[in-house]
PDB file of N, CA and C in Angstrom:
ATOM      1  N   MET A   1     -81.095  -0.613  -3.815  1.00  0.00           N
ATOM      2  CA  MET A   1     -80.291  -2.270  -4.203  1.00  0.00           C
ATOM      3  C   MET A   1     -79.458  -2.040  -5.148  1.00  0.00           C
ATOM      4  N   LEU A   2     -78.633  -2.877  -5.450  1.00  0.00           N
ATOM      5  CA  LEU A   2     -77.514  -2.931  -6.487  1.00  0.00           C
ATOM      6  C   LEU A   2     -77.750  -4.082  -7.365  1.00  0.00           C
ATOM      7  N   ILE A   3     -77.018  -3.883  -8.505  1.00  0.00           N
ATOM      8  CA  ILE A   3     -77.100  -4.746  -9.230  1.00  0.00           C
ATOM      9  C   ILE A   3     -75.367  -5.050 -10.161  1.00  0.00           C
ATOM     10  N   GLU A   4     -75.468  -6.312 -10.304  1.00  0.00           N
ATOM     11  CA  GLU A   4     -73.573  -6.388 -11.121  1.00  0.00           C
ATOM     12  C   GLU A   4     -73.730  -6.219 -12.490  1.00  0.00           C
ATOM     13  N   VAL A   5     -72.917  -5.113 -12.832  1.00  0.00           N
ATOM     14  CA  VAL A   5     -72.341  -4.916 -14.369  1.00  0.00           C
ATOM     15  C   VAL A   5     -71.187  -5.344 -14.529  1.00  0.00           C
ATOM     16  N   LEU A   6     -71.195  -5.190 -16.301  1.00  0.00           N
ATOM     17  CA  LEU A   6     -69.601  -5.731 -16.544  1.00  0.00           C
ATOM     18  C   LEU A   6     -68.804  -4.314 -16.769  1.00  0.00           C
ATOM     19  N   ARG A   7     -67.823  -4.227 -15.628  1.00  0.00           N
ATOM     20  CA  ARG A   7     -66.949  -3.497 -15.318  1.00  0.00           C
ATOM     21  C   ARG A   7     -65.573  -3.292 -16.530  1.00  0.00           C
ATOM     22  N   SER A   8     -65.143  -4.532 -16.926  1.00  0.00           N
ATOM     23  CA  SER A   8     -64.454  -4.864 -18.286  1.00  0.00           C
ATOM     24  C   SER A   8     -64.140  -5.746 -18.980  1.00  0.00           C
ATOM     25  N   LYS A   9     -63.614  -5.823 -19.870  1.00  0.00           N
ATOM     26  CA  LYS A   9     -63.753  -7.177 -20.806  1.00  0.00           C
ATOM     27  C   LYS A   9     -62.190  -7.375 -21.859  1.00  0.00           C
ATOM     28  N   ILE A  10     -62.013  -8.304 -21.814  1.00  0.00           N
ATOM     29  CA  ILE A  10     -60.852  -8.197 -22.359  1.00  0.00           C
ATOM     30  C   ILE A  10     -61.690  -9.506 -23.714  1.00  0.00           C
ATOM     31  N   HIS A  11     -61.521  -8.901 -24.767  1.00  0.00           N
ATOM     32  CA  HIS A  11     -62.066 -10.128 -25.752  1.00  0.00           C
ATOM     33  C   HIS A  11     -61.339 -10.516 -27.046  1.00  0.00           C
ATOM     34  N   ASN A  12     -61.331 -11.315 -27.236  1.00  0.00           N
ATOM     35  CA  ASN A  12     -61.041 -12.535 -28.324  1.00  0.00           C
ATOM     36  C   ASN A  12     -59.403 -12.703 -28.288  1.00  0.00           C
ATOM     37  N   ALA A  13     -58.800 -12.735 -26.974  1.00  0.00           N
ATOM     38  CA  ALA A  13     -57.737 -13.442 -26.438  1.00  0.00           C
ATOM     39  C   ALA A  13     -57.349 -14.477 -26.697  1.00  0.00           C
ATOM     40  N   THR A  14     -55.752 -14.800 -27.349  1.00  0.00           N
ATOM     41  CA  THR A  14     -55.506 -15.908 -27.359  1.00  0.00           C
ATOM     42  C   THR A  14     -54.768 -16.682 -26.477  1.00  0.00           C
ATOM     43  N   VAL A  15     -54.967 -17.771 -25.928  1.00  0.00           N
ATOM     44  CA  VAL A  15     -54.412 -18.500 -24.824  1.00  0.00           C
ATOM     45  C   VAL A  15     -53.272 -18.965 -25.471  1.00  0.00           C
ATOM     46  N   THR A  16     -52.028 -18.718 -24.957  1.00  0.00           N
ATOM     47  CA  THR A  16     -50.632 -19.197 -25.121  1.00  0.00           C
ATOM     48  C   THR A  16     -50.364 -20.092 -24.303  1.00  0.00           C
ATOM     49  N   SER A  17     -50.623 -20.098 -22.966  1.00  0.00           N
ATOM     50  CA  SER A  17     -49.852 -21.428 -22.939  1.00  0.00           C
ATOM     51  C   SER A  17     -50.785 -22.388 -21.626  1.00  0.00           C
ATOM     52  N   CYS A  18     -50.651 -23.127 -21.314  1.00  0.00           N
ATOM     53  CA  CYS A  18     -51.826 -24.047 -20.531  1.00  0.00           C
ATOM     54  C   CYS A  18     -50.547 -24.642 -19.390  1.00  0.00           C
ATOM     55  N   ASN A  19     -50.738 -24.598 -17.734  1.00  0.00           N
ATOM     56  CA  ASN A  19     -49.777 -25.284 -17.307  1.00  0.00           C
ATOM     57  C   ASN A  19     -50.726 -26.176 -15.447  1.00  0.00           C
ATOM     58  N   VAL A  20     -51.046 -27.377 -15.735  1.00  0.00           N
ATOM     59  CA  VAL A  20     -52.103 -27.388 -14.970  1.00  0.00           C
ATOM     60  C   VAL A  20     -50.996 -27.444 -13.778  1.00  0.00           C
ATOM     61  N   ASP A  21     -49.843 -27.562 -13.735  1.00  0.00           N
ATOM     62  CA  ASP A  21     -49.111 -27.835 -12.488  1.00  0.00           C
ATOM     63  C   ASP A  21     -48.950 -27.137 -11.810  1.00  0.00           C
ATOM     64  N   TYR A  22     -49.539 -25.360 -12.032  1.00  0.00           N
ATOM     65  CA  TYR A  22     -49.536 -24.115 -11.209  1.00  0.00           C
ATOM     66  C   TYR A  22     -50.549 -23.970 -10.348  1.00  0.00           C
ATOM     67  N   GLU A  23     -50.681 -23.619  -8.989  1.00  0.00           N
ATOM     68  CA  GLU A  23     -51.773 -23.167  -8.121  1.00  0.00           C
ATOM     69  C   GLU A  23     -53.064 -22.908  -8.588  1.00  0.00           C
ATOM     70  N   GLY A  24     -53.077 -22.312  -9.636  1.00  0.00           N
ATOM     71  CA  GLY A  24     -54.117 -21.952 -10.324  1.00  0.00           C
ATOM     72  C   GLY A  24     -54.428 -19.993 -11.047  1.00  0.00           C
ATOM     73  N   SER A  25     -55.153 -19.765 -11.093  1.00  0.00           N
ATOM     74  CA  SER A  25     -55.354 -18.614 -11.691  1.00  0.00           C
ATOM     75  C   SER A  25     -55.166 -18.306 -13.582  1.00  0.00           C
ATOM     76  N   ILE A  26     -55.111 -16.975 -13.778  1.00  0.00           N
ATOM     77  CA  ILE A  26     -55.039 -17.011 -15.257  1.00  0.00           C
ATOM     78  C   ILE A  26     -53.899 -16.153 -15.188  1.00  0.00           C
ATOM     79  N   SER A  27     -52.822 -16.267 -15.678  1.00  0.00           N
ATOM     80  CA  SER A  27     -52.002 -14.947 -15.966  1.00  0.00           C
ATOM     81  C   SER A  27     -51.838 -14.138 -17.026  1.00  0.00           C
ATOM     82  N   ILE A  28     -52.446 -12.938 -17.074  1.00  0.00           N
ATOM     83  CA  ILE A  28     -52.341 -12.085 -18.300  1.00  0.00           C
ATOM     84  C   ILE A  28     -51.486 -11.172 -18.118  1.00  0.00           C
ATOM     85  N   ASP A  29     -51.042 -10.445 -19.301  1.00  0.00           N
ATOM     86  CA  ASP A  29     -49.990  -9.542 -19.698  1.00  0.00           C
ATOM     87  C   ASP A  29     -50.190  -8.580 -19.185  1.00  0.00           C
ATOM     88  N   GLN A  30     -49.069  -8.127 -17.982  1.00  0.00           N
ATOM     89  CA  GLN A  30     -49.239  -6.869 -17.024  1.00  0.00           C
ATOM     90  C   GLN A  30     -49.857  -5.661 -18.249  1.00  0.00           C
ATOM     91  N   ARG A  31     -49.529  -5.442 -19.616  1.00  0.00           N
ATOM     92  CA  ARG A  31     -50.343  -4.349 -20.163  1.00  0.00           C
ATOM     93  C   ARG A  31     -51.516  -4.670 -20.258  1.00  0.00           C
ATOM     94  N   PHE A  32     -51.883  -5.660 -20.300  1.00  0.00           N
ATOM     95  CA  PHE A  32     -53.619  -6.079 -21.246  1.00  0.00           C
ATOM     96  C   PHE A  32     -53.867  -5.546 -19.847  1.00  0.00           C
ATOM     97  N   ILE A  33     -53.735  -5.994 -18.551  1.00  0.00           N
ATOM     98  CA  ILE A  33     -54.126  -5.695 -17.426  1.00  0.00           C
ATOM     99  C   ILE A  33     -54.431  -4.119 -17.281  1.00  0.00           C
ATOM    100  N   GLU A  34     -53.350  -3.072 -17.809  1.00  0.00           N
ATOM    101  CA  GLU A  34     -53.439  -2.348 -17.013  1.00  0.00           C
ATOM    102  C   GLU A  34     -54.705  -1.105 -18.513  1.00  0.00           C
ATOM    103  N   ALA A  35     -54.805  -1.804 -19.498  1.00  0.00           N
ATOM    104  CA  ALA A  35     -55.334  -1.413 -20.094  1.00  0.00           C
ATOM    105  C   ALA A  35     -57.053  -2.059 -20.022  1.00  0.00           C
ATOM    106  N   ALA A  36     -57.137  -2.740 -19.487  1.00  0.00           N
ATOM    107  CA  ALA A  36     -58.865  -3.011 -18.928  1.00  0.00           C
ATOM    108  C   ALA A  36     -59.367  -3.132 -18.186  1.00  0.00           C
ATOM    109  N   GLY A  37     -58.223  -2.473 -17.246  1.00  0.00           N
ATOM    110  CA  GLY A  37     -58.053  -1.558 -15.498  1.00  0.00           C
ATOM    111  C   GLY A  37     -58.234  -2.522 -14.229  1.00  0.00           C
ATOM    112  N   LEU A  38     -57.833  -3.912 -14.737  1.00  0.00           N
ATOM    113  CA  LEU A  38     -57.878  -5.283 -14.010  1.00  0.00           C
ATOM    114  C   LEU A  38     -56.891  -4.508 -13.010  1.00  0.00           C
ATOM    115  N   MET A  39     -57.389  -5.811 -12.040  1.00  0.00           N
ATOM    116  CA  MET A  39     -56.402  -5.855 -10.805  1.00  0.00           C
ATOM    117  C   MET A  39     -55.750  -6.892 -10.003  1.00  0.00           C
ATOM    118  N   PRO A  40     -54.522  -7.102  -9.976  1.00  0.00           N
ATOM    119  CA  PRO A  40     -53.902  -8.015  -9.708  1.00  0.00           C
ATOM    120  C   PRO A  40     -54.773  -9.137  -8.429  1.00  0.00           C
ATOM    121  N   HIS A  41     -55.147 -10.353  -8.539  1.00  0.00           N
ATOM    122  CA  HIS A  41     -55.917 -11.393  -7.740  1.00  0.00           C
ATOM    123  C   HIS A  41     -57.210 -11.130  -8.114  1.00  0.00           C
ATOM    124  N   GLU A  42     -57.565  -9.821  -8.745  1.00  0.00           N
ATOM    125  CA  GLU A  42     -59.709  -9.723  -8.821  1.00  0.00           C
ATOM    126  C   GLU A  42     -59.861 -11.025  -9.568  1.00  0.00           C
ATOM    127  N   LYS A  43     -61.160 -11.282  -8.987  1.00  0.00           N
ATOM    128  CA  LYS A  43     -61.850 -12.460  -9.193  1.00  0.00           C
ATOM    129  C   LYS A  43     -62.311 -12.333 -11.038  1.00  0.00           C
ATOM    130  N   VAL A  44     -62.309 -12.907 -12.128  1.00  0.00           N
ATOM    131  CA  VAL A  44     -62.529 -12.690 -13.530  1.00  0.00           C
ATOM    132  C   VAL A  44     -63.291 -13.890 -13.909  1.00  0.00           C
ATOM    133  N   LEU A  45     -64.550 -13.667 -14.888  1.00  0.00           N
ATOM    134  CA  LEU A  45     -65.299 -14.819 -15.547  1.00  0.00           C
ATOM    135  C   LEU A  45     -64.601 -14.910 -16.878  1.00  0.00           C
ATOM    136  N   VAL A  46     -63.838 -16.340 -17.042  1.00  0.00           N
ATOM    137  CA  VAL A  46     -62.983 -16.599 -18.385  1.00  0.00           C
ATOM    138  C   VAL A  46     -63.793 -17.204 -19.339  1.00  0.00           C
ATOM    139  N   VAL A  47     -64.418 -16.929 -20.570  1.00  0.00           N
ATOM    140  CA  VAL A  47     -65.258 -18.085 -21.570  1.00  0.00           C
ATOM    141  C   VAL A  47     -64.462 -18.000 -22.712  1.00  0.00           C
ATOM    142  N   ASN A  48     -64.368 -19.107 -22.267  1.00  0.00           N
ATOM    143  CA  ASN A  48     -63.684 -19.975 -24.067  1.00  0.00           C
ATOM    144  C   ASN A  48     -64.308 -19.969 -25.385  1.00  0.00           C
ATOM    145  N   VAL A  49     -64.419 -19.398 -26.115  1.00  0.00           N
ATOM    146  CA  VAL A  49     -65.244 -18.927 -26.832  1.00  0.00           C
ATOM    147  C   VAL A  49     -65.095 -20.327 -27.981  1.00  0.00           C
ATOM    148  N   THR A  50     -63.768 -20.957 -28.115  1.00  0.00           N
ATOM    149  CA  THR A  50     -63.650 -22.117 -28.903  1.00  0.00           C
ATOM    150  C   THR A  50     -63.959 -23.359 -28.400  1.00  0.00           C
ATOM    151  N   ASN A  51     -64.166 -23.687 -27.252  1.00  0.00           N
ATOM    152  CA  ASN A  51     -64.770 -24.516 -27.132  1.00  0.00           C
ATOM    153  C   ASN A  51     -66.285 -24.425 -25.578  1.00  0.00           C
ATOM    154  N   GLY A  52     -66.564 -23.327 -25.587  1.00  0.00           N
ATOM    155  CA  GLY A  52     -67.602 -23.140 -25.103  1.00  0.00           C
ATOM    156  C   GLY A  52     -67.877 -23.206 -23.220  1.00  0.00           C
ATOM    157  N   GLU A  53     -66.749 -23.385 -22.771  1.00  0.00           N
ATOM    158  CA  GLU A  53     -66.252 -23.614 -21.600  1.00  0.00           C
ATOM    159  C   GLU A  53     -66.518 -22.178 -20.523  1.00  0.00           C
ATOM    160  N   ARG A  54     -66.836 -22.184 -19.860  1.00  0.00           N
ATOM    161  CA  ARG A  54     -66.974 -20.544 -18.870  1.00  0.00           C
ATOM    162  C   ARG A  54     -66.266 -20.932 -16.996  1.00  0.00           C
ATOM    163  N   PHE A  55     -65.215 -20.562 -16.432  1.00  0.00           N
ATOM    164  CA  PHE A  55     -65.348 -20.508 -15.583  1.00  0.00           C
ATOM    165  C   PHE A  55     -64.489 -19.195 -14.817  1.00  0.00           C
ATOM    166  N   GLU A  56     -64.445 -19.318 -13.668  1.00  0.00           N
ATOM    167  CA  GLU A  56     -64.187 -18.278 -12.777  1.00  0.00           C
ATOM    168  C   GLU A  56     -62.754 -18.515 -12.296  1.00  0.00           C
ATOM    169  N   THR A  57     -61.902 -17.566 -12.296  1.00  0.00           N
ATOM    170  CA  THR A  57     -60.640 -17.529 -11.410  1.00  0.00           C
ATOM    171  C   THR A  57     -59.835 -16.186 -11.129  1.00  0.00           C
ATOM    172  N   TYR A  58     -58.464 -15.672 -11.043  1.00  0.00           N
ATOM    173  CA  TYR A  58     -58.285 -14.566 -10.453  1.00  0.00           C
ATOM    174  C   TYR A  58     -56.729 -14.841 -11.719  1.00  0.00           C
ATOM    175  N   VAL A  59     -56.636 -13.068 -11.554  1.00  0.00           N
ATOM    176  CA  VAL A  59     -55.802 -12.702 -12.270  1.00  0.00           C
ATOM    177  C   VAL A  59     -54.295 -12.584 -11.747  1.00  0.00           C
ATOM    178  N   ILE A  60     -53.699 -12.962 -12.183  1.00  0.00           N
ATOM    179  CA  ILE A  60     -51.875 -12.795 -11.620  1.00  0.00           C
ATOM    180  C   ILE A  60     -51.701 -11.779 -12.853  1.00  0.00           C
ATOM    181  N   PRO A  61     -50.759 -11.123 -12.821  1.00  0.00           N
ATOM    182  CA  PRO A  61     -49.632 -10.748 -13.965  1.00  0.00           C
ATOM    183  C   PRO A  61     -48.789 -11.034 -14.711  1.00  0.00           C
ATOM    184  N   ALA A  62     -48.733 -10.866 -15.806  1.00  0.00           N
ATOM    185  CA  ALA A  62     -47.653 -11.897 -16.189  1.00  0.00           C
ATOM    186  C   ALA A  62     -46.566 -10.523 -16.956  1.00  0.00           C
ATOM    187  N   ALA A  63     -45.234 -10.700 -17.121  1.00  0.00           N
ATOM    188  CA  ALA A  63     -44.346 -10.004 -17.880  1.00  0.00           C
ATOM    189  C   ALA A  63     -44.644  -8.825 -18.660  1.00  0.00           C
ATOM    190  N   LYS A  64     -45.293  -7.933 -18.562  1.00  0.00           N
ATOM    191  CA  LYS A  64     -45.112  -6.820 -19.715  1.00  0.00           C
ATOM    192  C   LYS A  64     -44.727  -6.634 -21.062  1.00  0.00           C
ATOM    193  N   ASP A  65     -45.466  -6.606 -21.841  1.00  0.00           N
ATOM    194  CA  ASP A  65     -45.536  -6.655 -23.603  1.00  0.00           C
ATOM    195  C   ASP A  65     -44.973  -8.394 -23.559  1.00  0.00           C
ATOM    196  N   SER A  66     -45.429  -9.540 -22.644  1.00  0.00           N
ATOM    197  CA  SER A  66     -45.485 -10.966 -23.199  1.00  0.00           C
ATOM    198  C   SER A  66     -46.159 -11.590 -23.835  1.00  0.00           C
ATOM    199  N   ARG A  67     -47.403 -10.627 -24.028  1.00  0.00           N
ATOM    200  CA  ARG A  67     -48.435 -11.237 -24.864  1.00  0.00           C
ATOM    201  C   ARG A  67     -49.260 -12.323 -24.268  1.00  0.00           C
ATOM    202  N   GLU A  68     -48.972 -12.440 -22.830  1.00  0.00           N
ATOM    203  CA  GLU A  68     -49.363 -13.638 -22.585  1.00  0.00           C
ATOM    204  C   GLU A  68     -50.552 -13.872 -21.878  1.00  0.00           C
ATOM    205  N   ILE A  69     -51.247 -15.207 -22.707  1.00  0.00           N
ATOM    206  CA  ILE A  69     -52.620 -15.201 -21.583  1.00  0.00           C
ATOM    207  C   ILE A  69     -52.330 -16.784 -21.566  1.00  0.00           C
ATOM    208  N   GLY A  70     -52.454 -17.129 -19.949  1.00  0.00           N
ATOM    209  CA  GLY A  70     -51.838 -18.340 -19.438  1.00  0.00           C
ATOM    210  C   GLY A  70     -53.010 -19.359 -18.841  1.00  0.00           C
ATOM    211  N   LEU A  71     -53.402 -20.263 -18.890  1.00  0.00           N
ATOM    212  CA  LEU A  71     -54.264 -20.729 -18.048  1.00  0.00           C
ATOM    213  C   LEU A  71     -53.790 -21.909 -17.201  1.00  0.00           C
ATOM    214  N   ASN A  72     -53.799 -21.629 -15.801  1.00  0.00           N
ATOM    215  CA  ASN A  72     -52.931 -22.413 -14.491  1.00  0.00           C
ATOM    216  C   ASN A  72     -53.829 -23.420 -13.590  1.00  0.00           C
ATOM    217  N   GLY A  73     -53.404 -24.464 -13.178  1.00  0.00           N
ATOM    218  CA  GLY A  73     -53.893 -25.145 -12.386  1.00  0.00           C
ATOM    219  C   GLY A  73     -55.050 -25.967 -13.313  1.00  0.00           C
ATOM    220  N   ALA A  74     -56.388 -26.042 -12.437  1.00  0.00           N
ATOM    221  CA  ALA A  74     -57.492 -26.968 -12.923  1.00  0.00           C
ATOM    222  C   ALA A  74     -58.064 -25.933 -14.577  1.00  0.00           C
ATOM    223  N   ALA A  75     -58.006 -24.989 -14.509  1.00  0.00           N
ATOM    224  CA  ALA A  75     -58.265 -24.073 -15.419  1.00  0.00           C
ATOM    225  C   ALA A  75     -57.353 -24.811 -16.751  1.00  0.00           C
ATOM    226  N   ALA A  76     -56.525 -24.964 -16.967  1.00  0.00           N
ATOM    227  CA  ALA A  76     -55.703 -25.535 -17.967  1.00  0.00           C
ATOM    228  C   ALA A  76     -55.996 -26.505 -18.515  1.00  0.00           C
ATOM    229  N   ARG A  77     -57.121 -27.161 -17.845  1.00  0.00           N
ATOM    230  CA  ARG A  77     -57.603 -28.534 -18.372  1.00  0.00           C
ATOM    231  C   ARG A  77     -58.855 -28.191 -19.233  1.00  0.00           C
ATOM    232  N   LEU A  78     -59.117 -26.823 -19.183  1.00  0.00           N
ATOM    233  CA  LEU A  78     -60.352 -26.675 -19.996  1.00  0.00           C
ATOM    234  C   LEU A  78     -59.749 -25.404 -21.118  1.00  0.00           C
ATOM    235  N   ALA A  79     -58.813 -25.562 -21.800  1.00  0.00           N
ATOM    236  CA  ALA A  79     -58.790 -24.709 -22.876  1.00  0.00           C
ATOM    237  C   ALA A  79     -57.504 -25.541 -23.573  1.00  0.00           C
ATOM    238  N   VAL A  80     -57.036 -25.400 -24.490  1.00  0.00           N
ATOM    239  CA  VAL A  80     -55.601 -25.639 -25.398  1.00  0.00           C
ATOM    240  C   VAL A  80     -54.913 -24.253 -25.782  1.00  0.00           C
ATOM    241  N   VAL A  81     -53.656 -24.071 -26.038  1.00  0.00           N
ATOM    242  CA  VAL A  81     -53.467 -23.303 -26.276  1.00  0.00           C
ATOM    243  C   VAL A  81     -54.199 -23.118 -27.789  1.00  0.00           C
ATOM    244  N   GLY A  82     -53.770 -21.505 -28.112  1.00  0.00           N
ATOM    245  CA  GLY A  82     -54.643 -21.419 -29.946  1.00  0.00           C
ATOM    246  C   GLY A  82     -56.278 -21.238 -29.641  1.00  0.00           C
ATOM    247  N   ASP A  83     -56.816 -21.275 -28.468  1.00  0.00           N
ATOM    248  CA  ASP A  83     -58.397 -21.725 -28.389  1.00  0.00           C
ATOM    249  C   ASP A  83     -58.608 -19.744 -28.260  1.00  0.00           C
ATOM    250  N   LYS A  84     -59.618 -19.246 -28.276  1.00  0.00           N
ATOM    251  CA  LYS A  84     -59.642 -17.809 -28.207  1.00  0.00           C
ATOM    252  C   LYS A  84     -60.648 -17.762 -26.433  1.00  0.00           C
ATOM    253  N   VAL A  85     -60.651 -16.898 -26.030  1.00  0.00           N
ATOM    254  CA  VAL A  85     -61.267 -16.448 -24.845  1.00  0.00           C
ATOM    255  C   VAL A  85     -61.519 -14.841 -24.672  1.00  0.00           C
ATOM    256  N   ILE A  86     -62.770 -15.090 -23.675  1.00  0.00           N
ATOM    257  CA  ILE A  86     -62.904 -14.096 -23.659  1.00  0.00           C
ATOM    258  C   ILE A  86     -63.168 -13.412 -21.604  1.00  0.00           C
ATOM    259  N   ILE A  87     -62.314 -12.279 -21.222  1.00  0.00           N
ATOM    260  CA  ILE A  87     -62.234 -12.405 -19.929  1.00  0.00           C
ATOM    261  C   ILE A  87     -62.927 -11.347 -19.430  1.00  0.00           C
ATOM    262  N   MET A  88     -63.242 -11.293 -18.343  1.00  0.00           N
ATOM    263  CA  MET A  88     -64.425 -10.132 -17.814  1.00  0.00           C
ATOM    264  C   MET A  88     -64.672  -9.942 -16.404  1.00  0.00           C
ATOM    265  N   ALA A  89     -64.567  -8.705 -16.024  1.00  0.00           N
ATOM    266  CA  ALA A  89     -64.428  -8.624 -14.523  1.00  0.00           C
ATOM    267  C   ALA A  89     -66.094  -7.612 -14.910  1.00  0.00           C
ATOM    268  N   PHE A  90     -67.017  -7.682 -13.184  1.00  0.00           N
ATOM    269  CA  PHE A  90     -67.708  -7.267 -12.611  1.00  0.00           C
ATOM    270  C   PHE A  90     -67.665  -6.260 -11.581  1.00  0.00           C
ATOM    271  N   ALA A  91     -68.791  -5.317 -11.379  1.00  0.00           N
ATOM    272  CA  ALA A  91     -68.828  -4.654 -10.147  1.00  0.00           C
ATOM    273  C   ALA A  91     -69.899  -4.473 -10.216  1.00  0.00           C
ATOM    274  N   TRP A  92     -70.492  -3.887  -8.596  1.00  0.00           N
ATOM    275  CA  TRP A  92     -71.735  -3.798  -8.465  1.00  0.00           C
ATOM    276  C   TRP A  92     -72.029  -2.547  -8.358  1.00  0.00           C
ATOM    277  N   LYS A  93     -73.358  -1.700  -8.285  1.00  0.00           N
ATOM    278  CA  LYS A  93     -73.409  -0.489  -8.484  1.00  0.00           C
ATOM    279  C   LYS A  93     -74.980  -0.257  -8.507  1.00  0.00           C
ATOM    280  N   LYS A  94     -75.379   0.685  -7.997  1.00  0.00           N
ATOM    281  CA  LYS A  94     -76.952   0.973  -7.669  1.00  0.00           C
ATOM    282  C   LYS A  94     -77.436   1.362  -9.345  1.00  0.00           C
ATOM    283  N   PRO A  95     -78.558   0.585  -9.736  1.00  0.00           N
ATOM    284  CA  PRO A  95     -78.950   1.417 -10.715  1.00  0.00           C
ATOM    285  C   PRO A  95     -79.305   2.598 -11.864  1.00  0.00           C
ATOM    286  N   GLU A  96     -78.588   3.991 -10.936  1.00  0.00           N
ATOM    287  CA  GLU A  96     -79.022   4.928 -11.070  1.00  0.00           C
ATOM    288  C   GLU A  96     -77.799   5.241 -11.584  1.00  0.00           C
ATOM    289  N   GLU A  97     -76.932   4.348 -11.153  1.00  0.00           N
ATOM    290  CA  GLU A  97     -75.594   5.461 -11.275  1.00  0.00           C
ATOM    291  C   GLU A  97     -75.306   4.810 -12.830  1.00  0.00           C
ATOM    292  N   PRO A  98     -74.043   5.493 -13.526  1.00  0.00           N
ATOM    293  CA  PRO A  98     -74.106   4.975 -14.724  1.00  0.00           C
ATOM    294  C   PRO A  98     -72.691   4.148 -14.736  1.00  0.00           C
ATOM    295  N   VAL A  99     -73.130   3.304 -16.060  1.00  0.00           N
ATOM    296  CA  VAL A  99     -72.275   2.203 -16.177  1.00  0.00           C
ATOM    297  C   VAL A  99     -71.360   2.526 -16.706  1.00  0.00           C
ATOM    298  N   ASN A 100     -69.730   2.361 -17.015  1.00  0.00           N
ATOM    299  CA  ASN A 100     -68.794   2.501 -17.600  1.00  0.00           C
ATOM    300  C   ASN A 100     -67.674   1.293 -17.359  1.00  0.00           C
ATOM    301  N   THR A 101     -67.843   0.850 -19.214  1.00  0.00           N
ATOM    302  CA  THR A 101     -67.107  -0.156 -19.158  1.00  0.00           C
ATOM    303  C   THR A 101     -65.727  -0.153 -20.158  1.00  0.00           C
ATOM    304  N   THR A 102     -64.869  -0.726 -19.968  1.00  0.00           N
ATOM    305  CA  THR A 102     -63.512  -0.580 -21.014  1.00  0.00           C
ATOM    306  C   THR A 102     -63.996  -2.163 -21.729  1.00  0.00           C
ATOM    307  N   ILE A 103     -64.087  -1.780 -22.611  1.00  0.00           N
ATOM    308  CA  ILE A 103     -63.863  -3.553 -23.527  1.00  0.00           C
ATOM    309  C   ILE A 103     -62.306  -3.201 -24.274  1.00  0.00           C
ATOM    310  N   VAL A 104     -61.157  -4.169 -23.827  1.00  0.00           N
ATOM    311  CA  VAL A 104     -60.370  -4.142 -24.869  1.00  0.00           C
ATOM    312  C   VAL A 104     -59.977  -5.457 -26.175  1.00  0.00           C
ATOM    313  N   VAL A 105     -60.444  -5.108 -27.081  1.00  0.00           N
ATOM    314  CA  VAL A 105     -60.290  -5.827 -28.336  1.00  0.00           C
ATOM    315  C   VAL A 105     -59.028  -6.246 -28.732  1.00  0.00           C
ATOM    316  N   MET A 106     -58.978  -7.627 -28.924  1.00  0.00           N
ATOM    317  CA  MET A 106     -57.768  -8.094 -29.153  1.00  0.00           C
ATOM    318  C   MET A 106     -57.519  -8.555 -30.383  1.00  0.00           C
ATOM    319  N   GLY A 107     -55.989  -8.392 -31.220  1.00  0.00           N
ATOM    320  CA  GLY A 107     -56.304  -8.934 -32.549  1.00  0.00           C
ATOM    321  C   GLY A 107     -55.230 -10.854 -32.431  1.00  0.00           C
ATOM    322  N   ASP A 108     -54.889 -10.382 -33.830  1.00  0.00           N
ATOM    323  CA  ASP A 108     -53.627 -11.593 -33.872  1.00  0.00           C
ATOM    324  C   ASP A 108     -52.538 -11.272 -33.117  1.00  0.00           C
ATOM    325  N   GLY A 109     -52.171 -11.847 -32.518  1.00  0.00           N
ATOM    326  CA  GLY A 109     -50.609 -12.318 -32.201  1.00  0.00           C
ATOM    327  C   GLY A 109     -51.004 -11.563 -30.788  1.00  0.00           C
ATOM    328  N   ASN A 110     -52.163 -11.793 -30.701  1.00  0.00           N
ATOM    329  CA  ASN A 110     -52.156 -10.694 -29.153  1.00  0.00           C
ATOM    330  C   ASN A 110     -51.931  -9.325 -28.629  1.00  0.00           C
ATOM    331  N   GLU A 111     -52.027  -8.897 -29.789  1.00  0.00           N
ATOM    332  CA  GLU A 111     -52.191  -7.325 -30.283  1.00  0.00           C
ATOM    333  C   GLU A 111     -53.536  -6.537 -29.648  1.00  0.00           C
ATOM    334  N   ILE A 112     -53.227  -5.167 -29.126  1.00  0.00           N
ATOM    335  CA  ILE A 112     -54.697  -4.681 -28.870  1.00  0.00           C
ATOM    336  C   ILE A 112     -54.468  -4.054 -29.898  1.00  0.00           C
ATOM    337  N   LYS A 113     -55.706  -4.577 -30.942  1.00  0.00           N
ATOM    338  CA  LYS A 113     -56.491  -4.248 -31.548  1.00  0.00           C
ATOM    339  C   LYS A 113     -57.585  -2.425 -31.264  1.00  0.00           C
ATOM    340  N   GLU A 114     -57.420  -2.707 -30.398  1.00  0.00           N
ATOM    341  CA  GLU A 114     -58.985  -1.190 -30.194  1.00  0.00           C
ATOM    342  C   GLU A 114     -59.350  -1.495 -28.270  1.00  0.00           C
ATOM    343  N   ILE A 115     -59.221  -0.323 -27.735  1.00  0.00           N
ATOM    344  CA  ILE A 115     -59.977  -0.158 -26.293  1.00  0.00           C
ATOM    345  C   ILE A 115     -61.244   0.892 -26.762  1.00  0.00           C
ATOM    346  N   LYS A 116     -62.131   0.127 -25.902  1.00  0.00           N
ATOM    347  CA  LYS A 116     -63.588   1.596 -25.814  1.00  0.00           C
ATOM    348  C   LYS A 116     -63.900   1.059 -24.738  1.00  0.00           C
ATOM    349  N   GLN A 117     -64.307   2.889 -24.546  1.00  0.00           N
ATOM    350  CA  GLN A 117     -64.986   2.850 -23.298  1.00  0.00           C
ATOM    351  C   GLN A 117     -66.569   3.318 -23.474  1.00  0.00           C
ATOM    352  N   LEU A 118     -67.531   2.319 -23.052  1.00  0.00           N
ATOM    353  CA  LEU A 118     -68.930   2.178 -22.919  1.00  0.00           C
ATOM    354  C   LEU A 118     -69.393   3.006 -21.877  1.00  0.00           C
ATOM    355  N   ILE A 119     -70.234   4.045 -21.686  1.00  0.00           N
ATOM    356  CA  ILE A 119     -70.733   4.646 -21.033  1.00  0.00           C
ATOM    357  C   ILE A 119     -72.411   5.017 -20.815  1.00  0.00           C
ATOM    358  N   SER A 120     -72.894   4.339 -20.014  1.00  0.00           N
ATOM    359  CA  SER A 120     -74.262   4.567 -20.114  1.00  0.00           C
ATOM    360  C   SER A 120     -75.055   4.927 -18.853  1.00  0.00           C
TER     361      SER A 120
END
């Protein structure tokens, strides 16, 4: 049996752009992608803390140190600039295998405030 667990999370990031006329995805500063251990084109669950919307999309890298969290395509209709979001990636594992989760906590201005490694 396999179970799905949280692998990485970018917590409390601020949406910096919404572009309906883009093909789709969430653009994330390359530095945030690296810190969270995400991969380009990886599927993520995005939760809008401000309005409660939840949606799945895929990651595309934005310029390193741009502090960008951009919602594109249809997802751009689910938030406005300034909304707070949580971006989560999951992985499948056997129940007896340890869970190793990276949490990137964001501060004001989309600065990385803290990086946590949770192992259980």
